[in-house]
N, C-alpha and C. Protein backbone atom coordinates (compact mmCIF):
# COMPACT_ATOMS: atom_id res chain seq x y z
N MET A 1 128.95 53.40 117.91
CA MET A 1 128.11 52.81 116.89
C MET A 1 128.96 52.60 115.64
N SER A 2 129.02 51.40 115.14
CA SER A 2 129.82 51.12 113.95
C SER A 2 128.95 51.22 112.71
N ALA A 3 129.58 51.64 111.62
CA ALA A 3 128.85 51.78 110.36
C ALA A 3 128.63 50.40 109.75
N ASN A 4 127.45 50.15 109.27
CA ASN A 4 127.13 48.89 108.62
C ASN A 4 127.03 49.15 107.13
N PRO A 5 127.92 48.55 106.32
CA PRO A 5 127.89 48.81 104.88
C PRO A 5 126.61 48.33 104.20
N ALA A 6 125.81 47.51 104.87
CA ALA A 6 124.56 47.05 104.28
C ALA A 6 123.42 48.04 104.50
N HIS A 7 123.71 49.15 105.17
CA HIS A 7 122.70 50.17 105.44
C HIS A 7 123.17 51.51 104.90
N SER A 8 122.21 52.30 104.43
CA SER A 8 122.51 53.66 103.99
C SER A 8 122.55 54.55 105.23
N PRO A 9 123.03 55.79 105.09
CA PRO A 9 123.03 56.70 106.22
C PRO A 9 121.63 56.90 106.81
N SER A 10 120.59 56.72 106.01
CA SER A 10 119.22 56.88 106.52
C SER A 10 118.69 55.61 107.17
N GLY A 11 119.48 54.53 107.14
CA GLY A 11 119.05 53.28 107.76
C GLY A 11 118.40 52.30 106.82
N ASP A 12 118.19 52.67 105.55
CA ASP A 12 117.62 51.75 104.57
C ASP A 12 118.60 50.60 104.32
N THR A 13 118.09 49.42 104.01
CA THR A 13 118.95 48.27 103.74
C THR A 13 119.26 48.18 102.25
N LEU A 14 120.39 47.58 101.94
CA LEU A 14 120.78 47.39 100.55
C LEU A 14 119.77 46.54 99.79
N ALA A 15 119.50 46.93 98.57
CA ALA A 15 118.66 46.11 97.69
C ALA A 15 119.47 44.88 97.30
N ASP A 16 118.79 43.79 96.98
CA ASP A 16 119.51 42.58 96.58
C ASP A 16 120.13 42.76 95.20
N ALA A 17 121.00 41.83 94.83
CA ALA A 17 121.77 41.95 93.58
C ALA A 17 120.87 42.01 92.35
N GLY A 18 119.78 41.27 92.34
CA GLY A 18 118.87 41.31 91.20
C GLY A 18 118.20 42.66 91.05
N MET A 19 117.80 43.25 92.18
CA MET A 19 117.16 44.57 92.12
C MET A 19 118.18 45.63 91.74
N LEU A 20 119.39 45.52 92.25
CA LEU A 20 120.45 46.46 91.87
C LEU A 20 120.70 46.39 90.37
N ALA A 21 120.72 45.20 89.80
CA ALA A 21 120.92 45.04 88.35
C ALA A 21 119.77 45.69 87.58
N GLU A 22 118.53 45.52 88.04
CA GLU A 22 117.37 46.10 87.36
C GLU A 22 117.41 47.63 87.45
N LEU A 23 117.77 48.17 88.61
CA LEU A 23 117.86 49.62 88.78
C LEU A 23 119.01 50.20 87.97
N THR A 24 120.12 49.48 87.90
CA THR A 24 121.26 49.92 87.09
C THR A 24 120.87 49.97 85.62
N ALA A 25 120.18 48.93 85.14
CA ALA A 25 119.71 48.92 83.75
C ALA A 25 118.75 50.08 83.50
N PHE A 26 117.90 50.40 84.47
CA PHE A 26 116.98 51.53 84.35
C PHE A 26 117.76 52.84 84.18
N LEU A 27 118.78 53.06 85.00
CA LEU A 27 119.58 54.29 84.90
C LEU A 27 120.34 54.36 83.58
N HIS A 28 120.84 53.23 83.11
CA HIS A 28 121.55 53.20 81.83
C HIS A 28 120.59 53.47 80.67
N ARG A 29 119.39 52.93 80.75
CA ARG A 29 118.38 53.20 79.70
C ARG A 29 118.02 54.68 79.70
N GLU A 30 117.83 55.25 80.88
CA GLU A 30 117.53 56.67 80.98
C GLU A 30 118.63 57.50 80.33
N ALA A 31 119.90 57.16 80.61
CA ALA A 31 121.03 57.88 80.02
C ALA A 31 121.02 57.77 78.50
N ARG A 32 120.75 56.57 77.98
CA ARG A 32 120.71 56.38 76.53
C ARG A 32 119.61 57.22 75.89
N LEU A 33 118.44 57.24 76.52
CA LEU A 33 117.33 58.03 75.97
C LEU A 33 117.69 59.52 75.93
N LEU A 34 118.31 60.02 76.99
CA LEU A 34 118.73 61.42 77.00
C LEU A 34 119.82 61.68 75.97
N ASP A 35 120.78 60.76 75.86
CA ASP A 35 121.89 60.94 74.92
C ASP A 35 121.43 60.95 73.47
N THR A 36 120.39 60.20 73.17
CA THR A 36 119.91 60.10 71.78
C THR A 36 118.79 61.09 71.48
N GLY A 37 118.45 61.93 72.46
CA GLY A 37 117.43 62.95 72.24
C GLY A 37 116.02 62.41 72.23
N ASN A 38 115.81 61.22 72.77
CA ASN A 38 114.48 60.62 72.81
C ASN A 38 113.75 61.14 74.05
N VAL A 39 113.29 62.40 73.98
CA VAL A 39 112.67 63.02 75.15
C VAL A 39 111.33 62.38 75.49
N GLU A 40 110.58 61.93 74.51
CA GLU A 40 109.31 61.26 74.80
C GLU A 40 109.56 59.96 75.56
N GLY A 41 110.58 59.22 75.14
CA GLY A 41 110.94 58.00 75.85
C GLY A 41 111.39 58.30 77.27
N TRP A 42 112.18 59.37 77.44
CA TRP A 42 112.64 59.75 78.78
C TRP A 42 111.46 60.17 79.65
N LEU A 43 110.55 60.96 79.11
CA LEU A 43 109.39 61.39 79.88
C LEU A 43 108.56 60.19 80.36
N SER A 44 108.55 59.12 79.57
CA SER A 44 107.78 57.93 79.96
C SER A 44 108.38 57.23 81.18
N LEU A 45 109.61 57.59 81.54
CA LEU A 45 110.26 56.99 82.71
C LEU A 45 109.98 57.77 83.99
N LEU A 46 109.22 58.88 83.89
CA LEU A 46 108.95 59.73 85.05
C LEU A 46 107.56 59.46 85.59
N THR A 47 107.42 59.54 86.92
CA THR A 47 106.09 59.43 87.53
C THR A 47 105.35 60.74 87.33
N ASP A 48 104.03 60.70 87.49
CA ASP A 48 103.22 61.91 87.37
C ASP A 48 103.56 62.93 88.45
N ASP A 49 104.05 62.46 89.60
CA ASP A 49 104.38 63.36 90.71
C ASP A 49 105.89 63.56 90.87
N VAL A 50 106.64 63.40 89.79
CA VAL A 50 108.10 63.53 89.85
C VAL A 50 108.52 64.90 90.38
N HIS A 51 109.64 64.91 91.09
CA HIS A 51 110.27 66.17 91.51
C HIS A 51 111.74 66.07 91.14
N TYR A 52 112.19 67.01 90.31
CA TYR A 52 113.57 67.05 89.80
C TYR A 52 114.21 68.30 90.39
N PHE A 53 115.20 68.12 91.25
CA PHE A 53 115.77 69.23 92.01
C PHE A 53 117.29 69.25 91.87
N MET A 54 117.81 70.40 91.46
CA MET A 54 119.26 70.59 91.37
C MET A 54 119.59 71.97 91.95
N PRO A 55 119.95 72.01 93.23
CA PRO A 55 120.23 73.30 93.86
C PRO A 55 121.57 73.86 93.41
N ALA A 56 121.69 75.17 93.55
CA ALA A 56 122.99 75.82 93.35
C ALA A 56 123.92 75.37 94.46
N GLN A 57 125.19 75.35 94.19
CA GLN A 57 126.19 74.91 95.17
C GLN A 57 127.12 76.08 95.50
N PRO A 58 126.71 76.99 96.35
CA PRO A 58 127.58 78.11 96.67
C PRO A 58 128.80 77.66 97.47
N ALA A 59 129.91 78.35 97.29
CA ALA A 59 131.11 78.07 98.07
C ALA A 59 130.87 78.59 99.49
N VAL A 60 130.99 77.71 100.46
CA VAL A 60 130.73 78.07 101.85
C VAL A 60 131.93 77.64 102.69
N TYR A 61 132.43 78.54 103.50
CA TYR A 61 133.53 78.19 104.41
C TYR A 61 133.06 77.16 105.42
N SER A 62 133.97 76.31 105.87
CA SER A 62 133.64 75.24 106.81
C SER A 62 132.91 75.75 108.03
N ARG A 63 133.33 76.89 108.54
CA ARG A 63 132.72 77.42 109.77
C ARG A 63 131.25 77.83 109.55
N ASN A 64 130.84 77.96 108.30
CA ASN A 64 129.47 78.38 108.00
C ASN A 64 128.59 77.26 107.44
N LEU A 65 129.07 76.02 107.47
CA LEU A 65 128.32 74.92 106.87
C LEU A 65 126.94 74.73 107.49
N LYS A 66 126.80 75.01 108.79
CA LYS A 66 125.50 74.84 109.44
C LYS A 66 124.48 75.84 108.91
N ASN A 67 124.93 76.95 108.37
CA ASN A 67 124.04 77.98 107.85
C ASN A 67 123.92 77.92 106.34
N ARG A 68 124.07 76.76 105.78
CA ARG A 68 124.12 76.59 104.32
C ARG A 68 122.73 76.41 103.72
N SER A 69 121.78 77.18 104.13
CA SER A 69 120.42 76.99 103.66
C SER A 69 120.17 77.62 102.29
N VAL A 70 121.13 78.42 101.80
CA VAL A 70 120.93 79.07 100.50
C VAL A 70 120.74 78.06 99.39
N GLY A 71 121.39 76.89 99.48
CA GLY A 71 121.27 75.86 98.45
C GLY A 71 119.87 75.31 98.31
N ASP A 72 119.06 75.42 99.36
CA ASP A 72 117.68 74.97 99.28
C ASP A 72 116.78 76.02 98.63
N LYS A 73 117.28 77.24 98.49
CA LYS A 73 116.47 78.33 97.95
C LYS A 73 116.82 78.66 96.50
N LEU A 74 118.07 78.49 96.14
CA LEU A 74 118.52 78.76 94.77
C LEU A 74 118.70 77.44 94.05
N ALA A 75 118.02 77.27 92.95
CA ALA A 75 118.10 76.00 92.25
C ALA A 75 118.12 76.22 90.75
N PHE A 76 118.94 75.42 90.07
CA PHE A 76 118.92 75.40 88.61
C PHE A 76 117.65 74.71 88.13
N TYR A 77 117.26 73.64 88.83
CA TYR A 77 116.03 72.92 88.56
C TYR A 77 115.30 72.71 89.88
N ASP A 78 114.02 72.97 89.88
CA ASP A 78 113.13 72.66 91.00
C ASP A 78 111.77 72.40 90.34
N ASP A 79 111.70 71.28 89.61
CA ASP A 79 110.63 71.07 88.63
C ASP A 79 109.73 69.90 88.96
N ASP A 80 108.46 70.08 88.65
CA ASP A 80 107.51 68.97 88.61
C ASP A 80 107.39 68.54 87.14
N LEU A 81 106.51 67.59 86.86
CA LEU A 81 106.40 67.06 85.51
C LEU A 81 105.99 68.13 84.50
N ASP A 82 105.07 69.00 84.86
CA ASP A 82 104.64 70.05 83.94
C ASP A 82 105.80 70.97 83.57
N MET A 83 106.61 71.36 84.55
CA MET A 83 107.73 72.25 84.26
C MET A 83 108.78 71.54 83.41
N ILE A 84 109.01 70.27 83.67
CA ILE A 84 109.96 69.50 82.85
C ILE A 84 109.49 69.48 81.40
N LYS A 85 108.19 69.26 81.20
CA LYS A 85 107.64 69.25 79.83
C LYS A 85 107.79 70.61 79.17
N ARG A 86 107.60 71.69 79.93
CA ARG A 86 107.77 73.03 79.36
C ARG A 86 109.23 73.28 78.97
N ARG A 87 110.17 72.84 79.82
CA ARG A 87 111.60 72.99 79.49
C ARG A 87 111.92 72.26 78.19
N ILE A 88 111.42 71.04 78.07
CA ILE A 88 111.69 70.24 76.87
C ILE A 88 111.07 70.90 75.65
N ALA A 89 109.85 71.40 75.78
CA ALA A 89 109.20 72.07 74.65
C ALA A 89 110.03 73.27 74.18
N ARG A 90 110.61 74.01 75.12
CA ARG A 90 111.47 75.14 74.74
C ARG A 90 112.74 74.66 74.06
N MET A 91 113.33 73.56 74.57
CA MET A 91 114.58 73.04 74.02
C MET A 91 114.42 72.55 72.58
N ILE A 92 113.28 71.96 72.28
CA ILE A 92 113.11 71.36 70.95
C ILE A 92 112.38 72.29 69.98
N HIS A 93 111.99 73.46 70.44
CA HIS A 93 111.31 74.41 69.56
C HIS A 93 112.25 74.84 68.43
N PRO A 94 111.77 75.01 67.22
CA PRO A 94 112.64 75.38 66.09
C PRO A 94 113.43 76.68 66.29
N THR A 95 112.95 77.57 67.13
CA THR A 95 113.67 78.83 67.35
C THR A 95 114.61 78.79 68.54
N ALA A 96 114.82 77.63 69.13
CA ALA A 96 115.72 77.50 70.29
C ALA A 96 117.17 77.58 69.81
N TRP A 97 117.77 78.75 69.92
CA TRP A 97 119.13 78.95 69.42
C TRP A 97 120.13 78.04 70.13
N SER A 98 119.86 77.72 71.38
CA SER A 98 120.80 76.89 72.14
C SER A 98 120.82 75.44 71.67
N GLU A 99 119.88 75.08 70.80
CA GLU A 99 119.84 73.70 70.30
C GLU A 99 119.87 73.63 68.77
N ASP A 100 120.43 74.66 68.15
CA ASP A 100 120.58 74.64 66.69
C ASP A 100 121.97 75.14 66.33
N PRO A 101 122.90 74.26 66.03
CA PRO A 101 122.76 72.81 65.89
C PRO A 101 122.58 72.13 67.25
N PRO A 102 122.03 70.92 67.22
CA PRO A 102 121.75 70.22 68.48
C PRO A 102 123.02 69.91 69.28
N THR A 103 122.87 69.96 70.58
CA THR A 103 123.95 69.58 71.50
C THR A 103 124.14 68.08 71.44
N ARG A 104 125.38 67.64 71.41
CA ARG A 104 125.71 66.22 71.51
C ARG A 104 126.03 65.95 72.99
N VAL A 105 125.37 64.94 73.54
CA VAL A 105 125.45 64.67 74.97
C VAL A 105 125.81 63.22 75.22
N ILE A 106 126.66 63.00 76.23
CA ILE A 106 126.97 61.65 76.69
C ILE A 106 126.88 61.65 78.22
N HIS A 107 126.03 60.77 78.75
CA HIS A 107 125.92 60.57 80.19
C HIS A 107 126.73 59.33 80.57
N GLN A 108 127.53 59.44 81.60
CA GLN A 108 128.23 58.28 82.18
C GLN A 108 127.73 58.15 83.61
N ILE A 109 127.10 57.04 83.93
CA ILE A 109 126.53 56.82 85.25
C ILE A 109 127.34 55.73 85.94
N SER A 110 127.75 56.01 87.18
CA SER A 110 128.57 55.02 87.91
C SER A 110 128.27 55.11 89.40
N ASN A 111 129.01 54.33 90.17
CA ASN A 111 128.92 54.31 91.64
C ASN A 111 127.47 54.12 92.10
N ILE A 112 126.78 53.21 91.46
CA ILE A 112 125.36 53.00 91.74
C ILE A 112 125.19 52.14 92.99
N GLU A 113 124.40 52.65 93.92
CA GLU A 113 124.01 51.91 95.12
C GLU A 113 122.49 51.99 95.21
N ALA A 114 121.87 50.90 95.61
CA ALA A 114 120.41 50.87 95.72
C ALA A 114 120.02 50.36 97.09
N PHE A 115 119.01 51.01 97.65
CA PHE A 115 118.54 50.68 98.99
C PHE A 115 117.03 50.49 98.98
N ASN A 116 116.58 49.48 99.72
CA ASN A 116 115.15 49.29 99.94
C ASN A 116 114.67 50.43 100.84
N THR A 117 113.43 50.83 100.66
CA THR A 117 112.84 51.85 101.54
C THR A 117 111.70 51.21 102.34
N ALA A 118 111.11 51.98 103.19
CA ALA A 118 109.99 51.49 104.00
C ALA A 118 108.74 51.24 103.15
N THR A 119 108.72 51.78 101.93
CA THR A 119 107.58 51.63 101.04
C THR A 119 107.88 50.53 100.01
N ASP A 120 107.05 49.50 99.97
CA ASP A 120 107.23 48.43 99.00
C ASP A 120 107.22 48.99 97.58
N GLY A 121 108.12 48.48 96.74
CA GLY A 121 108.15 48.91 95.34
C GLY A 121 108.80 50.26 95.13
N THR A 122 109.55 50.73 96.13
CA THR A 122 110.25 52.01 96.02
C THR A 122 111.67 51.83 96.53
N TRP A 123 112.63 52.37 95.78
CA TRP A 123 114.04 52.23 96.12
C TRP A 123 114.72 53.59 96.11
N ARG A 124 115.67 53.75 97.00
CA ARG A 124 116.54 54.93 97.02
C ARG A 124 117.81 54.54 96.28
N VAL A 125 118.15 55.30 95.25
CA VAL A 125 119.29 54.95 94.39
C VAL A 125 120.27 56.12 94.36
N LEU A 126 121.51 55.82 94.72
CA LEU A 126 122.58 56.81 94.69
C LEU A 126 123.45 56.53 93.48
N SER A 127 123.93 57.57 92.83
CA SER A 127 124.82 57.39 91.69
C SER A 127 125.65 58.65 91.46
N VAL A 128 126.65 58.50 90.63
CA VAL A 128 127.46 59.62 90.16
C VAL A 128 127.23 59.74 88.66
N ALA A 129 127.02 60.96 88.20
CA ALA A 129 126.81 61.21 86.78
C ALA A 129 127.88 62.16 86.26
N VAL A 130 128.45 61.81 85.14
CA VAL A 130 129.34 62.70 84.40
C VAL A 130 128.65 62.94 83.07
N VAL A 131 128.40 64.21 82.76
CA VAL A 131 127.69 64.55 81.53
C VAL A 131 128.60 65.42 80.68
N PHE A 132 128.95 64.90 79.50
CA PHE A 132 129.75 65.67 78.54
C PHE A 132 128.79 66.19 77.49
N ARG A 133 128.93 67.47 77.16
CA ARG A 133 128.11 68.03 76.09
C ARG A 133 128.99 68.88 75.19
N SER A 134 128.69 68.80 73.91
CA SER A 134 129.48 69.47 72.90
C SER A 134 128.55 70.10 71.87
N ARG A 135 128.87 71.32 71.50
CA ARG A 135 128.06 72.03 70.51
C ARG A 135 128.98 72.93 69.69
N ASN A 136 128.72 73.00 68.42
CA ASN A 136 129.55 73.78 67.50
C ASN A 136 130.99 73.28 67.55
N GLU A 137 131.92 74.14 67.20
CA GLU A 137 133.32 73.71 67.13
C GLU A 137 134.02 73.75 68.49
N ALA A 138 133.67 74.68 69.35
CA ALA A 138 134.46 74.89 70.56
C ALA A 138 133.67 74.84 71.86
N ASP A 139 132.36 74.73 71.81
CA ASP A 139 131.57 74.72 73.03
C ASP A 139 131.52 73.33 73.62
N GLN A 140 132.22 73.14 74.73
CA GLN A 140 132.23 71.84 75.41
C GLN A 140 132.16 72.07 76.91
N ASP A 141 131.39 71.23 77.57
CA ASP A 141 131.27 71.26 79.03
C ASP A 141 131.26 69.84 79.54
N THR A 142 131.81 69.66 80.72
CA THR A 142 131.68 68.40 81.44
C THR A 142 131.13 68.74 82.81
N LEU A 143 130.01 68.14 83.14
CA LEU A 143 129.36 68.36 84.42
C LEU A 143 129.49 67.09 85.27
N TRP A 144 129.88 67.27 86.52
CA TRP A 144 130.02 66.17 87.47
C TRP A 144 128.98 66.35 88.56
N ALA A 145 128.31 65.27 88.94
CA ALA A 145 127.28 65.40 89.97
C ALA A 145 127.05 64.08 90.70
N ARG A 146 126.59 64.21 91.91
CA ARG A 146 126.05 63.08 92.66
C ARG A 146 124.54 63.17 92.56
N ARG A 147 123.90 62.02 92.44
CA ARG A 147 122.45 62.00 92.33
C ARG A 147 121.87 61.10 93.42
N GLU A 148 120.75 61.52 93.95
CA GLU A 148 119.98 60.68 94.86
C GLU A 148 118.57 60.61 94.28
N ASP A 149 118.18 59.41 93.91
CA ASP A 149 116.90 59.19 93.24
C ASP A 149 115.96 58.38 94.12
N LEU A 150 114.69 58.57 93.89
CA LEU A 150 113.66 57.69 94.41
C LEU A 150 113.03 57.06 93.18
N VAL A 151 113.16 55.75 93.06
CA VAL A 151 112.62 55.02 91.91
C VAL A 151 111.49 54.15 92.42
N ARG A 152 110.38 54.20 91.70
CA ARG A 152 109.16 53.51 92.13
C ARG A 152 108.68 52.60 91.00
N ARG A 153 108.14 51.44 91.38
CA ARG A 153 107.54 50.55 90.39
C ARG A 153 106.07 50.95 90.23
N VAL A 154 105.70 51.31 89.00
CA VAL A 154 104.33 51.73 88.69
C VAL A 154 103.83 50.84 87.56
N ASP A 155 102.77 50.11 87.80
CA ASP A 155 102.20 49.20 86.79
C ASP A 155 103.27 48.28 86.20
N GLY A 156 104.15 47.78 87.07
CA GLY A 156 105.18 46.84 86.65
C GLY A 156 106.44 47.46 86.07
N GLU A 157 106.44 48.76 85.84
CA GLU A 157 107.59 49.45 85.24
C GLU A 157 108.28 50.34 86.27
N LEU A 158 109.61 50.42 86.20
CA LEU A 158 110.34 51.35 87.06
C LEU A 158 110.18 52.76 86.53
N LYS A 159 109.97 53.70 87.45
CA LYS A 159 109.79 55.11 87.10
C LYS A 159 110.57 55.97 88.09
N LEU A 160 111.08 57.09 87.61
CA LEU A 160 111.79 58.04 88.45
C LEU A 160 110.76 58.94 89.13
N ALA A 161 110.73 58.91 90.47
CA ALA A 161 109.77 59.71 91.23
C ALA A 161 110.42 60.97 91.80
N LYS A 162 111.72 60.91 92.03
CA LYS A 162 112.39 62.06 92.63
C LYS A 162 113.87 61.99 92.28
N ARG A 163 114.45 63.13 91.94
CA ARG A 163 115.89 63.20 91.71
C ARG A 163 116.42 64.46 92.38
N HIS A 164 117.46 64.27 93.17
CA HIS A 164 118.17 65.39 93.79
C HIS A 164 119.59 65.32 93.25
N VAL A 165 119.98 66.34 92.50
CA VAL A 165 121.29 66.40 91.86
C VAL A 165 122.16 67.38 92.64
N THR A 166 123.34 66.93 93.07
CA THR A 166 124.29 67.80 93.74
C THR A 166 125.50 67.95 92.84
N LEU A 167 125.62 69.11 92.24
CA LEU A 167 126.74 69.38 91.34
C LEU A 167 128.05 69.48 92.12
N ALA A 168 129.13 69.09 91.48
CA ALA A 168 130.46 69.28 92.06
C ALA A 168 130.98 70.68 91.79
N HIS A 169 130.27 71.43 90.98
CA HIS A 169 130.70 72.76 90.55
C HIS A 169 130.06 73.84 91.42
N ASN A 170 130.84 74.87 91.74
CA ASN A 170 130.26 76.05 92.40
C ASN A 170 129.69 77.00 91.36
N VAL A 171 130.35 77.06 90.21
CA VAL A 171 129.94 77.97 89.13
C VAL A 171 129.87 77.16 87.84
N LEU A 172 128.78 77.32 87.10
CA LEU A 172 128.67 76.69 85.79
C LEU A 172 129.15 77.69 84.74
N LEU A 173 130.15 77.30 83.97
CA LEU A 173 130.74 78.21 83.00
C LEU A 173 130.11 78.11 81.62
N GLY A 174 129.25 77.14 81.42
CA GLY A 174 128.60 76.99 80.12
C GLY A 174 127.64 78.13 79.84
N LYS A 175 127.30 78.28 78.58
CA LYS A 175 126.40 79.37 78.14
C LYS A 175 124.95 79.09 78.52
N ASN A 176 124.62 77.83 78.75
CA ASN A 176 123.25 77.48 79.09
C ASN A 176 123.26 76.16 79.86
N LEU A 177 122.11 75.78 80.30
CA LEU A 177 121.96 74.50 81.00
C LEU A 177 120.78 73.77 80.36
N ASN A 178 121.02 73.26 79.18
CA ASN A 178 119.96 72.61 78.41
C ASN A 178 120.11 71.09 78.41
N VAL A 179 120.35 70.57 79.60
CA VAL A 179 120.56 69.13 79.72
C VAL A 179 120.02 68.68 81.08
N PHE A 180 119.46 67.48 81.11
CA PHE A 180 119.05 66.86 82.37
C PHE A 180 120.17 65.94 82.80
N ILE A 181 120.50 65.95 84.05
CA ILE A 181 121.64 65.17 84.56
C ILE A 181 121.17 63.89 85.20
């Protein structure tokens, strides 16, 4: 069986160039909203049934890859919309020491691929995210991740329905994780 570049590993077909451009613009807008601290604007891009998942990435020897179920149980984020709103409320609260002074964040989104799904108005979108964050004089982190999103059109607008973030890091060395990737 030969690999067809017009199909994803799940068999979904590539979205056309116009849809890819629209989905790319959506991801870039999302990054800008997060970078500028516009959390209300970012929340408006999420569906009511959103699921935001970022499992831990334990170091596993090749011989044990089949038994790698721990990543499904340990997660930095395993959130629905209510939990995301609670996280944001904590981040922007005046007593949140981790955000005073505020973290400066830059998202770089690349390697975007978009696939049609079996459901009309829903696309599977793959991307790579690099997130740089800086706080105070010496606190800096760069996070690298692959993302798999489910983006759905709701009332004519694109919305994020599901995000699965796979970090390239086994261990996060930062003092906190106060950023969405």
